Protein backbone atom coordinates (compact mmCIF):
# COMPACT_ATOMS: atom_id res chain seq x y z
CA MET A 1 -3.03 -2.11 -24.60
CA GLU A 2 -5.74 -0.55 -26.62
CA ASN A 3 -8.34 -0.04 -23.83
CA LYS A 4 -7.49 1.58 -20.53
CA LEU A 5 -9.53 -0.27 -17.99
CA THR A 6 -9.08 -3.87 -19.54
CA GLY A 7 -7.18 -6.04 -17.25
CA CYS A 8 -8.20 -3.98 -14.17
CA PHE A 9 -9.89 -5.46 -11.25
CA ALA A 10 -13.58 -4.30 -10.56
CA SER A 11 -16.28 -4.88 -8.23
CA SER A 12 -19.99 -4.98 -8.78
CA LEU A 13 -21.62 -2.00 -7.15
CA ALA A 14 -25.55 -3.02 -8.20
CA GLY A 15 -27.59 -6.34 -9.14
CA HIS A 16 -27.31 -9.74 -7.70
CA ASP A 17 -23.65 -9.93 -7.75
CA LYS A 18 -23.31 -6.79 -5.78
CA CYS A 19 -19.47 -6.73 -4.26
CA ARG A 20 -18.15 -9.61 -6.03
CA VAL A 21 -14.91 -9.01 -7.70
CA TYR A 22 -14.41 -9.44 -11.60
CA VAL A 23 -11.47 -8.55 -13.99
CA ILE A 24 -12.29 -6.20 -17.12
CA ILE A 25 -11.58 -8.38 -19.94
CA ASP A 26 -13.09 -6.01 -22.95
CA GLU A 27 -14.49 -2.50 -22.87
CA GLU A 28 -16.75 -0.56 -25.34
CA PRO A 29 -18.56 2.75 -24.91
CA GLY A 30 -20.70 2.42 -21.94
CA TYR A 31 -19.92 -1.08 -20.62
CA VAL A 32 -17.65 -3.37 -19.75
CA TYR A 33 -17.18 -7.17 -20.08
CA LEU A 34 -16.27 -8.94 -16.70
CA SER A 35 -15.00 -12.17 -15.57
CA ASP A 36 -14.11 -14.37 -12.63
CA GLY A 37 -12.76 -17.28 -14.11
CA VAL A 38 -15.70 -19.11 -12.37
CA ILE A 39 -19.30 -18.44 -13.13
CA ARG A 40 -18.32 -15.93 -15.62
CA THR A 41 -15.75 -17.24 -17.73
CA VAL A 42 -13.48 -15.83 -20.36
CA ASP A 43 -15.68 -17.16 -23.25
CA LYS A 44 -19.23 -15.87 -21.55
CA PRO A 45 -18.22 -12.60 -19.79
CA LYS A 46 -21.28 -10.90 -17.68
CA LYS A 47 -21.82 -7.32 -19.64
CA LYS A 48 -22.82 -4.64 -17.25
CA LYS A 49 -22.68 -1.21 -17.38
CA LYS A 50 -19.52 1.10 -16.55
CA LYS A 51 -21.79 2.89 -13.72
CA HIS A 52 -22.48 -0.19 -12.09
CA VAL A 53 -19.02 -1.28 -11.41
CA GLN A 54 -16.32 0.30 -9.27
CA THR A 55 -12.98 -0.28 -11.01
CA VAL A 56 -9.90 -0.49 -9.24
CA LYS A 57 -6.58 0.69 -11.29
CA ARG A 58 -4.38 -2.33 -10.33
CA ILE A 59 -3.63 -4.82 -12.71
CA ASP A 60 -2.02 -8.60 -12.07
CA ASP A 61 1.03 -8.81 -13.74
CA ASN A 62 0.63 -11.89 -15.59
CA ILE A 63 -2.61 -10.66 -16.81
CA ALA A 64 -0.92 -7.21 -18.03
CA GLU A 65 1.81 -9.38 -19.71
CA LYS A 66 -1.00 -11.65 -21.47
CA LEU A 67 -2.54 -8.60 -22.84
CA GLU A 68 0.44 -6.97 -23.97
CA LYS A 69 1.52 -9.85 -25.76
CA HIS A 70 -2.11 -10.61 -27.27
CA LYS A 71 -2.10 -13.93 -25.59
CA ASP A 72 -5.61 -16.07 -24.67
CA LEU A 73 -6.35 -15.39 -21.11
CA GLN A 74 -7.28 -18.81 -19.48
CA ASN A 75 -9.91 -18.75 -16.60
CA GLU A 76 -7.39 -20.22 -14.18
CA ASP A 77 -5.11 -17.10 -14.81
CA ILE A 78 -8.10 -14.89 -13.58
CA LYS A 79 -8.65 -17.05 -10.89
CA ARG A 80 -5.35 -16.56 -9.52
CA ALA A 81 -4.78 -12.99 -9.97
CA ILE A 82 -8.46 -12.44 -7.99
CA LYS A 83 -7.50 -15.23 -5.12
CA LEU A 84 -4.30 -13.05 -4.56
CA TYR A 85 -5.64 -9.57 -4.73
CA ILE A 86 -8.49 -10.33 -2.50
CA SER A 87 -6.00 -11.93 -0.03
CA ASN A 88 -3.65 -8.81 -0.23
CA MET A 89 -7.03 -6.91 0.44
CA LYS A 90 -7.75 -8.83 3.55
CA GLU A 91 -3.93 -8.24 4.76
CA ASP A 92 -4.23 -4.50 3.82
CA ASN A 93 -7.71 -4.26 6.02
CA LYS A 94 -5.80 -5.85 9.02
CA CYS A 95 -3.01 -3.68 9.40
CA GLN A 96 -5.31 -0.54 8.69
CA ASN A 97 -7.52 -1.85 11.86
CA GLN A 98 -4.68 -2.31 13.93
CA MET A 99 -4.17 1.70 13.89
């Protein structure tokens, strides 16, 4: 992958979409392009300043494979990856609350 953040999950820190989870699909100096596969599709990603997102250094295997092979990302791929990421985070929080 050319860009170090491309393919990573990100959470919005500011704006009307605060706390919403996205996948970074492109990057340029000072900005990232975010997609959630529903409202912000791959064709029309949200441009957001890097300082307004919290990146997570975790990439879905399917997305990583498509980025490495330079295949087109589909909205369904992003929706599935975000859904799995959120469900894993909820499971992790349940385990931490039990301790």
